[in-house]
Amino acid sequence: MSTRSKRVAARLPVEIRPARLADLDALVALEHTAFTTDRAERRAIRHAIRSISMTLLVATVREPVEGGEAEILVGAATMERRRTSRVARLSSLAVAPARAGLGLGRQLLQAAELDARAHGCQRLRLEVRADNGSGIRLYERGSYARTGTKPDYYEDGMEAWCYEKVLTER
C-alpha cells in the first residue's frame, strides 16, 4: 500500500463492535493473514462470539464497491474474564497486515480496555511474543507494565512477555 493509500485508508471511519456469527468467515481469514503460528481455530472463534465470559470485538471499515458499500473486517480483539476475578485477559489482538500502521491496534486496545471496565474489571493482562516489536511498542505506549516472561510459550518455542495495565476510571 502506498503512503497516499495509507493516508486515505487512515481517514476511513472505523467501527468497533461486538462480533457476530456472520463475521466468522472473515475472522478465520484474519487469523490466517495476521498470524503465522498459534492461530485460533474456527470452533474457538465461534465459542468466543457466543461466550458470556468472553468478548470478541471487531474493527470494520466501509469501503465503496460497485453498486454501494461493503463492510470490511480489518481487526479483532478477544478478551476473557472470570466471574470471580476483577482481571481480564486480552488473549488476542489482530490487525489485517494490509492495514498495519494505521492506528487500528491502538483503537482495538482502547476498546478492549473499555469493555473490561464495563464488565467490572480493574486490570487487563496479556502476553505478547518477545519478537513482536510493534506489539510491544503498542502495549508500552498504552501504559502497560511488563510483569514477567513465559519461556517456550508459543508453538514455535518463542517466549512471551507478560504485561498488565491498571484500568482507571475515565
N, C-alpha and C. Protein backbone atom coordinates (compact mmCIF):
# COMPACT_ATOMS: atom_id res chain seq x y z
N MET A 1 0.85 -1.17 0.00
CA MET A 1 0.00 0.00 0.00
C MET A 1 0.89 1.23 0.00
N SER A 2 0.64 2.17 -0.89
CA SER A 2 1.44 3.38 -0.97
C SER A 2 1.17 4.28 0.23
N THR A 3 2.06 5.26 0.43
CA THR A 3 1.86 6.21 1.54
C THR A 3 0.55 6.95 1.36
N ARG A 4 0.25 7.36 0.14
CA ARG A 4 -1.01 8.06 -0.11
C ARG A 4 -2.20 7.15 0.20
N SER A 5 -2.14 5.89 -0.21
CA SER A 5 -3.22 4.95 0.08
C SER A 5 -3.41 4.77 1.58
N LYS A 6 -2.27 4.72 2.32
CA LYS A 6 -2.37 4.59 3.77
C LYS A 6 -3.04 5.81 4.39
N ARG A 7 -2.70 7.01 3.89
CA ARG A 7 -3.34 8.22 4.43
C ARG A 7 -4.83 8.19 4.16
N VAL A 8 -5.22 7.77 2.96
CA VAL A 8 -6.64 7.68 2.63
C VAL A 8 -7.31 6.65 3.52
N ALA A 9 -6.69 5.48 3.67
CA ALA A 9 -7.26 4.42 4.49
C ALA A 9 -7.37 4.86 5.94
N ALA A 10 -6.40 5.64 6.43
CA ALA A 10 -6.41 6.09 7.81
C ALA A 10 -7.61 6.98 8.08
N ARG A 11 -8.10 7.67 7.06
CA ARG A 11 -9.23 8.57 7.25
C ARG A 11 -10.57 7.84 7.21
N LEU A 12 -10.57 6.60 6.76
CA LEU A 12 -11.83 5.86 6.75
C LEU A 12 -12.30 5.65 8.17
N PRO A 13 -13.56 5.95 8.44
CA PRO A 13 -14.05 5.75 9.81
C PRO A 13 -14.08 4.26 10.16
N VAL A 14 -13.57 3.96 11.33
CA VAL A 14 -13.54 2.60 11.82
C VAL A 14 -14.67 2.41 12.82
N GLU A 15 -15.39 1.33 12.69
CA GLU A 15 -16.41 0.97 13.68
C GLU A 15 -15.89 -0.23 14.45
N ILE A 16 -15.95 -0.15 15.76
CA ILE A 16 -15.59 -1.29 16.60
C ILE A 16 -16.86 -1.74 17.30
N ARG A 17 -17.17 -3.01 17.12
CA ARG A 17 -18.42 -3.56 17.65
C ARG A 17 -18.20 -5.01 18.05
N PRO A 18 -19.13 -5.57 18.85
CA PRO A 18 -19.03 -7.00 19.17
C PRO A 18 -19.17 -7.84 17.90
N ALA A 19 -18.42 -8.92 17.85
CA ALA A 19 -18.50 -9.83 16.70
C ALA A 19 -19.85 -10.53 16.68
N ARG A 20 -20.25 -10.89 15.48
CA ARG A 20 -21.48 -11.66 15.26
C ARG A 20 -21.10 -12.95 14.53
N LEU A 21 -21.96 -13.93 14.59
CA LEU A 21 -21.69 -15.18 13.88
C LEU A 21 -21.47 -14.94 12.39
N ALA A 22 -22.10 -13.92 11.85
CA ALA A 22 -21.92 -13.59 10.43
C ALA A 22 -20.48 -13.17 10.13
N ASP A 23 -19.70 -12.81 11.16
CA ASP A 23 -18.31 -12.40 10.98
C ASP A 23 -17.35 -13.59 10.98
N LEU A 24 -17.84 -14.78 11.25
CA LEU A 24 -16.98 -15.94 11.48
C LEU A 24 -15.99 -16.19 10.34
N ASP A 25 -16.45 -16.22 9.11
CA ASP A 25 -15.54 -16.47 7.98
C ASP A 25 -14.45 -15.40 7.89
N ALA A 26 -14.83 -14.15 8.06
CA ALA A 26 -13.85 -13.06 7.99
C ALA A 26 -12.86 -13.14 9.15
N LEU A 27 -13.32 -13.56 10.33
CA LEU A 27 -12.42 -13.71 11.48
C LEU A 27 -11.42 -14.84 11.27
N VAL A 28 -11.88 -15.94 10.69
CA VAL A 28 -10.96 -17.05 10.39
C VAL A 28 -9.93 -16.58 9.36
N ALA A 29 -10.37 -15.86 8.35
CA ALA A 29 -9.44 -15.34 7.34
C ALA A 29 -8.43 -14.37 7.98
N LEU A 30 -8.89 -13.53 8.91
CA LEU A 30 -7.98 -12.61 9.60
C LEU A 30 -6.93 -13.38 10.39
N GLU A 31 -7.31 -14.43 11.08
CA GLU A 31 -6.35 -15.26 11.83
C GLU A 31 -5.25 -15.76 10.91
N HIS A 32 -5.62 -16.17 9.71
CA HIS A 32 -4.65 -16.74 8.78
C HIS A 32 -3.76 -15.69 8.13
N THR A 33 -4.23 -14.46 8.02
CA THR A 33 -3.37 -13.42 7.45
C THR A 33 -2.54 -12.71 8.52
N ALA A 34 -3.05 -12.64 9.74
CA ALA A 34 -2.36 -11.89 10.80
C ALA A 34 -1.33 -12.72 11.55
N PHE A 35 -1.53 -14.04 11.62
CA PHE A 35 -0.65 -14.89 12.42
C PHE A 35 -0.09 -16.03 11.59
N THR A 36 1.18 -16.36 11.84
CA THR A 36 1.78 -17.50 11.15
C THR A 36 1.73 -18.76 12.01
N THR A 37 1.63 -18.59 13.33
CA THR A 37 1.50 -19.73 14.25
C THR A 37 0.46 -19.37 15.30
N ASP A 38 0.11 -20.34 16.12
CA ASP A 38 -0.81 -20.12 17.24
C ASP A 38 -2.13 -19.48 16.80
N ARG A 39 -2.66 -19.93 15.69
CA ARG A 39 -3.93 -19.38 15.19
C ARG A 39 -5.10 -20.02 15.93
N ALA A 40 -6.11 -19.21 16.20
CA ALA A 40 -7.34 -19.74 16.78
C ALA A 40 -8.08 -20.52 15.71
N GLU A 41 -8.64 -21.64 16.10
CA GLU A 41 -9.42 -22.45 15.17
C GLU A 41 -10.83 -21.90 15.07
N ARG A 42 -11.50 -22.28 14.00
CA ARG A 42 -12.85 -21.80 13.73
C ARG A 42 -13.78 -22.04 14.93
N ARG A 43 -13.71 -23.21 15.52
CA ARG A 43 -14.63 -23.51 16.63
C ARG A 43 -14.32 -22.65 17.86
N ALA A 44 -13.04 -22.30 18.06
CA ALA A 44 -12.66 -21.43 19.18
C ALA A 44 -13.18 -20.01 18.95
N ILE A 45 -13.11 -19.56 17.71
CA ILE A 45 -13.64 -18.22 17.38
C ILE A 45 -15.15 -18.21 17.57
N ARG A 46 -15.83 -19.25 17.10
CA ARG A 46 -17.28 -19.34 17.28
C ARG A 46 -17.63 -19.33 18.77
N HIS A 47 -16.86 -20.07 19.57
CA HIS A 47 -17.09 -20.10 21.02
C HIS A 47 -16.93 -18.69 21.61
N ALA A 48 -15.89 -17.97 21.20
CA ALA A 48 -15.66 -16.62 21.73
C ALA A 48 -16.81 -15.68 21.40
N ILE A 49 -17.37 -15.82 20.21
CA ILE A 49 -18.50 -14.97 19.81
C ILE A 49 -19.71 -15.24 20.71
N ARG A 50 -19.94 -16.49 21.04
CA ARG A 50 -21.14 -16.89 21.80
C ARG A 50 -20.97 -16.81 23.32
N SER A 51 -19.75 -16.78 23.81
CA SER A 51 -19.47 -16.91 25.23
C SER A 51 -19.90 -15.69 26.04
N ILE A 52 -20.42 -15.94 27.25
CA ILE A 52 -20.76 -14.83 28.14
C ILE A 52 -19.55 -14.37 28.95
N SER A 53 -18.50 -15.17 28.98
CA SER A 53 -17.30 -14.79 29.73
C SER A 53 -16.18 -14.28 28.82
N MET A 54 -16.50 -14.08 27.57
CA MET A 54 -15.53 -13.55 26.60
C MET A 54 -16.19 -12.44 25.78
N THR A 55 -15.36 -11.55 25.29
CA THR A 55 -15.82 -10.54 24.34
C THR A 55 -14.89 -10.59 23.15
N LEU A 56 -15.47 -10.66 21.99
CA LEU A 56 -14.71 -10.60 20.74
C LEU A 56 -15.18 -9.35 20.00
N LEU A 57 -14.30 -8.37 19.92
CA LEU A 57 -14.60 -7.13 19.23
C LEU A 57 -14.00 -7.17 17.84
N VAL A 58 -14.70 -6.58 16.88
CA VAL A 58 -14.17 -6.48 15.53
C VAL A 58 -14.09 -5.02 15.12
N ALA A 59 -13.08 -4.70 14.33
CA ALA A 59 -12.94 -3.38 13.72
C ALA A 59 -13.30 -3.53 12.25
N THR A 60 -14.21 -2.68 11.80
CA THR A 60 -14.64 -2.74 10.41
C THR A 60 -14.56 -1.34 9.78
N VAL A 61 -14.40 -1.34 8.48
CA VAL A 61 -14.48 -0.10 7.70
C VAL A 61 -15.48 -0.36 6.57
N ARG A 62 -16.08 0.72 6.12
CA ARG A 62 -16.97 0.63 4.97
C ARG A 62 -16.21 1.17 3.78
N GLU A 63 -16.19 0.36 2.72
CA GLU A 63 -15.47 0.76 1.53
C GLU A 63 -16.40 0.70 0.32
N PRO A 64 -16.18 1.60 -0.62
CA PRO A 64 -17.02 1.58 -1.82
C PRO A 64 -16.75 0.34 -2.67
N VAL A 65 -17.82 -0.23 -3.15
CA VAL A 65 -17.76 -1.32 -4.12
C VAL A 65 -18.78 -0.99 -5.19
N GLU A 66 -18.67 -1.69 -6.29
CA GLU A 66 -19.61 -1.43 -7.36
C GLU A 66 -21.03 -1.64 -6.85
N GLY A 67 -21.83 -0.61 -6.97
CA GLY A 67 -23.22 -0.71 -6.55
C GLY A 67 -23.46 -0.35 -5.08
N GLY A 68 -22.45 0.17 -4.38
CA GLY A 68 -22.70 0.56 -2.99
C GLY A 68 -21.47 0.52 -2.12
N GLU A 69 -21.65 -0.02 -0.92
CA GLU A 69 -20.58 -0.11 0.06
C GLU A 69 -20.52 -1.51 0.63
N ALA A 70 -19.34 -1.89 1.12
CA ALA A 70 -19.17 -3.19 1.79
C ALA A 70 -18.49 -2.94 3.13
N GLU A 71 -18.88 -3.72 4.12
CA GLU A 71 -18.23 -3.67 5.42
C GLU A 71 -17.06 -4.66 5.38
N ILE A 72 -15.85 -4.17 5.65
CA ILE A 72 -14.64 -4.97 5.61
C ILE A 72 -14.10 -5.12 7.02
N LEU A 73 -13.89 -6.35 7.46
CA LEU A 73 -13.34 -6.61 8.78
C LEU A 73 -11.82 -6.45 8.70
N VAL A 74 -11.26 -5.54 9.51
CA VAL A 74 -9.84 -5.21 9.42
C VAL A 74 -9.07 -5.48 10.71
N GLY A 75 -9.76 -5.90 11.76
CA GLY A 75 -9.07 -6.20 13.01
C GLY A 75 -10.02 -6.83 14.02
N ALA A 76 -9.42 -7.40 15.08
CA ALA A 76 -10.23 -8.04 16.12
C ALA A 76 -9.43 -8.10 17.42
N ALA A 77 -10.17 -8.11 18.52
CA ALA A 77 -9.56 -8.26 19.85
C ALA A 77 -10.45 -9.18 20.67
N THR A 78 -9.82 -10.13 21.36
CA THR A 78 -10.55 -11.09 22.19
C THR A 78 -10.14 -10.93 23.64
N MET A 79 -11.13 -10.78 24.52
CA MET A 79 -10.90 -10.69 25.96
C MET A 79 -11.59 -11.83 26.67
N GLU A 80 -10.95 -12.30 27.75
CA GLU A 80 -11.51 -13.36 28.58
C GLU A 80 -11.67 -12.83 30.00
N ARG A 81 -12.74 -13.26 30.66
CA ARG A 81 -13.00 -12.85 32.04
C ARG A 81 -13.47 -14.05 32.85
N ARG A 82 -13.31 -13.94 34.16
CA ARG A 82 -13.88 -14.92 35.08
C ARG A 82 -14.84 -14.18 36.01
N ARG A 83 -15.93 -14.82 36.37
CA ARG A 83 -16.92 -14.17 37.24
C ARG A 83 -16.33 -13.73 38.57
N THR A 84 -15.38 -14.50 39.09
CA THR A 84 -14.85 -14.24 40.42
C THR A 84 -13.60 -13.36 40.41
N SER A 85 -13.24 -12.80 39.27
CA SER A 85 -12.00 -12.04 39.17
C SER A 85 -12.27 -10.64 38.62
N ARG A 86 -11.46 -9.70 39.03
CA ARG A 86 -11.52 -8.33 38.51
C ARG A 86 -10.41 -8.09 37.48
N VAL A 87 -9.85 -9.19 36.98
CA VAL A 87 -8.78 -9.12 35.98
C VAL A 87 -9.28 -9.74 34.68
N ALA A 88 -9.15 -9.00 33.60
CA ALA A 88 -9.48 -9.53 32.27
C ALA A 88 -8.17 -9.85 31.56
N ARG A 89 -8.26 -10.72 30.57
CA ARG A 89 -7.07 -11.10 29.79
C ARG A 89 -7.35 -10.84 28.32
N LEU A 90 -6.46 -10.08 27.70
CA LEU A 90 -6.52 -9.88 26.26
C LEU A 90 -5.80 -11.07 25.64
N SER A 91 -6.55 -12.00 25.09
CA SER A 91 -5.94 -13.22 24.58
C SER A 91 -5.53 -13.11 23.11
N SER A 92 -6.05 -12.11 22.41
CA SER A 92 -5.66 -11.93 21.02
C SER A 92 -5.98 -10.51 20.56
N LEU A 93 -5.07 -9.96 19.77
CA LEU A 93 -5.31 -8.69 19.09
C LEU A 93 -4.71 -8.84 17.70
N ALA A 94 -5.54 -8.71 16.69
CA ALA A 94 -5.09 -8.92 15.31
C ALA A 94 -5.54 -7.76 14.43
N VAL A 95 -4.63 -7.32 13.57
CA VAL A 95 -4.93 -6.31 12.56
C VAL A 95 -4.53 -6.88 11.22
N ALA A 96 -5.38 -6.71 10.23
CA ALA A 96 -5.06 -7.17 8.88
C ALA A 96 -3.73 -6.55 8.46
N PRO A 97 -2.78 -7.35 7.99
CA PRO A 97 -1.46 -6.81 7.61
C PRO A 97 -1.54 -5.64 6.63
N ALA A 98 -2.49 -5.64 5.73
CA ALA A 98 -2.63 -4.55 4.78
C ALA A 98 -3.05 -3.25 5.45
N ARG A 99 -3.51 -3.33 6.69
CA ARG A 99 -3.97 -2.14 7.44
C ARG A 99 -3.01 -1.78 8.58
N ALA A 100 -1.88 -2.43 8.66
CA ALA A 100 -0.91 -2.15 9.74
C ALA A 100 -0.42 -0.72 9.66
N GLY A 101 -0.16 -0.14 10.81
CA GLY A 101 0.38 1.21 10.87
C GLY A 101 -0.64 2.32 10.77
N LEU A 102 -1.91 1.98 10.82
CA LEU A 102 -2.97 2.98 10.70
C LEU A 102 -3.63 3.32 12.05
N GLY A 103 -3.12 2.74 13.13
CA GLY A 103 -3.69 3.02 14.44
C GLY A 103 -4.81 2.09 14.85
N LEU A 104 -5.08 1.06 14.06
CA LEU A 104 -6.18 0.14 14.40
C LEU A 104 -5.88 -0.65 15.67
N GLY A 105 -4.63 -1.06 15.86
CA GLY A 105 -4.26 -1.78 17.08
C GLY A 105 -4.55 -0.96 18.31
N ARG A 106 -4.18 0.31 18.27
CA ARG A 106 -4.42 1.22 19.40
C ARG A 106 -5.92 1.37 19.64
N GLN A 107 -6.71 1.52 18.58
CA GLN A 107 -8.16 1.67 18.73
C GLN A 107 -8.77 0.40 19.33
N LEU A 108 -8.33 -0.76 18.85
CA LEU A 108 -8.84 -2.02 19.40
C LEU A 108 -8.44 -2.19 20.86
N LEU A 109 -7.21 -1.84 21.20
CA LEU A 109 -6.75 -1.96 22.57
C LEU A 109 -7.57 -1.05 23.49
N GLN A 110 -7.83 0.17 23.07
CA GLN A 110 -8.65 1.08 23.88
C GLN A 110 -10.07 0.54 24.03
N ALA A 111 -10.63 -0.02 22.97
CA ALA A 111 -11.97 -0.61 23.06
C ALA A 111 -11.98 -1.81 24.00
N ALA A 112 -10.90 -2.60 23.98
CA ALA A 112 -10.80 -3.75 24.90
C ALA A 112 -10.76 -3.28 26.35
N GLU A 113 -10.02 -2.21 26.60
CA GLU A 113 -9.95 -1.66 27.95
C GLU A 113 -11.33 -1.18 28.41
N LEU A 114 -12.04 -0.49 27.54
CA LEU A 114 -13.39 -0.02 27.87
C LEU A 114 -14.31 -1.20 28.17
N ASP A 115 -14.21 -2.24 27.37
CA ASP A 115 -15.04 -3.43 27.57
C ASP A 115 -14.72 -4.09 28.91
N ALA A 116 -13.43 -4.20 29.23
CA ALA A 116 -13.05 -4.81 30.51
C ALA A 116 -13.61 -4.00 31.68
N ARG A 117 -13.48 -2.68 31.60
CA ARG A 117 -14.05 -1.82 32.66
C ARG A 117 -15.55 -1.99 32.75
N ALA A 118 -16.21 -2.06 31.60
CA ALA A 118 -17.68 -2.22 31.59
C ALA A 118 -18.10 -3.52 32.26
N HIS A 119 -17.22 -4.51 32.26
CA HIS A 119 -17.50 -5.79 32.91
C HIS A 119 -16.96 -5.84 34.34
N GLY A 120 -16.58 -4.69 34.89
CA GLY A 120 -16.14 -4.62 36.28
C GLY A 120 -14.70 -5.00 36.53
N CYS A 121 -13.93 -5.10 35.48
CA CYS A 121 -12.52 -5.48 35.66
C CYS A 121 -11.68 -4.24 35.97
N GLN A 122 -10.68 -4.44 36.82
CA GLN A 122 -9.81 -3.35 37.23
C GLN A 122 -8.44 -3.42 36.58
N ARG A 123 -8.11 -4.56 35.99
CA ARG A 123 -6.82 -4.73 35.32
C ARG A 123 -7.01 -5.54 34.04
N LEU A 124 -6.11 -5.30 33.10
CA LEU A 124 -6.10 -6.08 31.86
C LEU A 124 -4.69 -6.64 31.69
N ARG A 125 -4.62 -7.94 31.49
CA ARG A 125 -3.34 -8.64 31.31
C ARG A 125 -3.27 -9.20 29.90
N LEU A 126 -2.02 -9.44 29.46
CA LEU A 126 -1.82 -10.01 28.13
C LEU A 126 -0.44 -10.61 28.04
N GLU A 127 -0.24 -11.42 27.01
CA GLU A 127 1.06 -11.94 26.63
C GLU A 127 1.31 -11.52 25.19
N VAL A 128 2.58 -11.26 24.88
CA VAL A 128 2.96 -10.88 23.52
C VAL A 128 4.27 -11.59 23.20
N ARG A 129 4.41 -12.01 21.96
CA ARG A 129 5.66 -12.65 21.53
C ARG A 129 6.84 -11.71 21.78
N ALA A 130 7.92 -12.26 22.30
CA ALA A 130 9.12 -11.46 22.59
C ALA A 130 9.71 -10.84 21.32
N ASP A 131 9.41 -11.41 20.15
CA ASP A 131 9.93 -10.86 18.90
C ASP A 131 8.92 -9.98 18.16
N ASN A 132 7.83 -9.63 18.82
CA ASN A 132 6.79 -8.79 18.20
C ASN A 132 7.01 -7.33 18.63
N GLY A 133 7.96 -6.69 17.95
CA GLY A 133 8.31 -5.31 18.30
C GLY A 133 7.16 -4.34 18.23
N SER A 134 6.33 -4.44 17.19
CA SER A 134 5.21 -3.49 17.07
C SER A 134 4.18 -3.71 18.17
N GLY A 135 3.94 -4.96 18.54
CA GLY A 135 3.01 -5.23 19.64
C GLY A 135 3.55 -4.72 20.96
N ILE A 136 4.83 -4.95 21.21
CA ILE A 136 5.45 -4.48 22.45
C ILE A 136 5.37 -2.95 22.53
N ARG A 137 5.66 -2.27 21.42
CA ARG A 137 5.56 -0.79 21.41
C ARG A 137 4.12 -0.35 21.68
N LEU A 138 3.15 -1.02 21.07
CA LEU A 138 1.74 -0.68 21.28
C LEU A 138 1.39 -0.74 22.77
N TYR A 139 1.75 -1.84 23.41
CA TYR A 139 1.38 -2.01 24.82
C TYR A 139 2.15 -1.04 25.72
N GLU A 140 3.42 -0.87 25.46
CA GLU A 140 4.20 0.04 26.31
C GLU A 140 3.75 1.49 26.13
N ARG A 141 3.41 1.88 24.92
CA ARG A 141 2.87 3.24 24.70
C ARG A 141 1.49 3.39 25.33
N GLY A 142 0.80 2.28 25.51
CA GLY A 142 -0.52 2.30 26.13
C GLY A 142 -0.46 2.18 27.65
N SER A 143 0.71 2.35 28.23
CA SER A 143 0.93 2.33 29.69
C SER A 143 0.82 0.95 30.32
N TYR A 144 1.12 -0.08 29.55
CA TYR A 144 1.17 -1.44 30.10
C TYR A 144 2.56 -1.65 30.70
N ALA A 145 2.60 -2.28 31.85
CA ALA A 145 3.86 -2.57 32.53
C ALA A 145 4.22 -4.04 32.30
N ARG A 146 5.47 -4.28 31.98
CA ARG A 146 5.93 -5.66 31.80
C ARG A 146 6.05 -6.31 33.17
N THR A 147 5.43 -7.48 33.32
CA THR A 147 5.38 -8.15 34.62
C THR A 147 6.17 -9.45 34.66
N GLY A 148 6.66 -9.91 33.52
CA GLY A 148 7.43 -11.15 33.51
C GLY A 148 7.51 -11.75 32.14
N THR A 149 8.01 -12.99 32.11
CA THR A 149 8.12 -13.73 30.85
C THR A 149 7.59 -15.15 31.06
N LYS A 150 7.21 -15.78 29.97
CA LYS A 150 6.80 -17.19 29.97
C LYS A 150 7.64 -17.87 28.90
N PRO A 151 8.65 -18.64 29.31
CA PRO A 151 9.51 -19.31 28.34
C PRO A 151 8.71 -20.34 27.53
N ASP A 152 9.12 -20.53 26.27
CA ASP A 152 8.55 -21.58 25.42
C ASP A 152 7.02 -21.52 25.39
N TYR A 153 6.46 -20.33 25.30
CA TYR A 153 5.01 -20.13 25.40
C TYR A 153 4.29 -20.43 24.09
N TYR A 154 4.90 -20.06 22.98
CA TYR A 154 4.24 -20.22 21.68
C TYR A 154 4.63 -21.53 21.02
N GLU A 155 3.82 -21.96 20.05
CA GLU A 155 4.03 -23.24 19.36
C GLU A 155 5.45 -23.43 18.86
N ASP A 156 6.07 -22.35 18.41
CA ASP A 156 7.41 -22.44 17.84
C ASP A 156 8.51 -22.27 18.88
N GLY A 157 8.16 -22.23 20.16
CA GLY A 157 9.14 -22.13 21.24
C GLY A 157 9.46 -20.72 21.68
N MET A 158 8.93 -19.72 21.01
CA MET A 158 9.19 -18.32 21.38
C MET A 158 8.61 -18.03 22.76
N GLU A 159 9.34 -17.23 23.53
CA GLU A 159 8.84 -16.83 24.85
C GLU A 159 7.83 -15.71 24.71
N ALA A 160 7.00 -15.57 25.73
CA ALA A 160 6.03 -14.48 25.80
C ALA A 160 6.49 -13.47 26.84
N TRP A 161 6.25 -12.22 26.56
CA TRP A 161 6.42 -11.18 27.56
C TRP A 161 5.04 -10.87 28.11
N CYS A 162 4.92 -10.80 29.41
CA CYS A 162 3.64 -10.57 30.08
C CYS A 162 3.53 -9.09 30.43
N TYR A 163 2.35 -8.55 30.21
CA TYR A 163 2.06 -7.14 30.50
C TYR A 163 0.76 -7.03 31.27
N GLU A 164 0.64 -5.92 32.01
CA GLU A 164 -0.60 -5.64 32.75
C GLU A 164 -0.80 -4.14 32.82
N LYS A 165 -2.05 -3.74 32.81
CA LYS A 165 -2.41 -2.33 32.98
C LYS A 165 -3.52 -2.24 34.00
N VAL A 166 -3.36 -1.31 34.93
CA VAL A 166 -4.44 -0.99 35.86
C VAL A 166 -5.40 -0.09 35.11
N LEU A 167 -6.66 -0.46 35.08
CA LEU A 167 -7.67 0.28 34.34
C LEU A 167 -8.30 1.31 35.28
N THR A 168 -8.06 2.56 35.00
CA THR A 168 -8.62 3.62 35.82
C THR A 168 -9.90 4.12 35.20
N GLU A 169 -10.74 4.69 36.02
CA GLU A 169 -12.00 5.26 35.52
C GLU A 169 -11.70 6.49 34.66
N ARG A 170 -12.47 6.66 33.61
CA ARG A 170 -12.30 7.84 32.76
C ARG A 170 -13.52 8.72 32.88
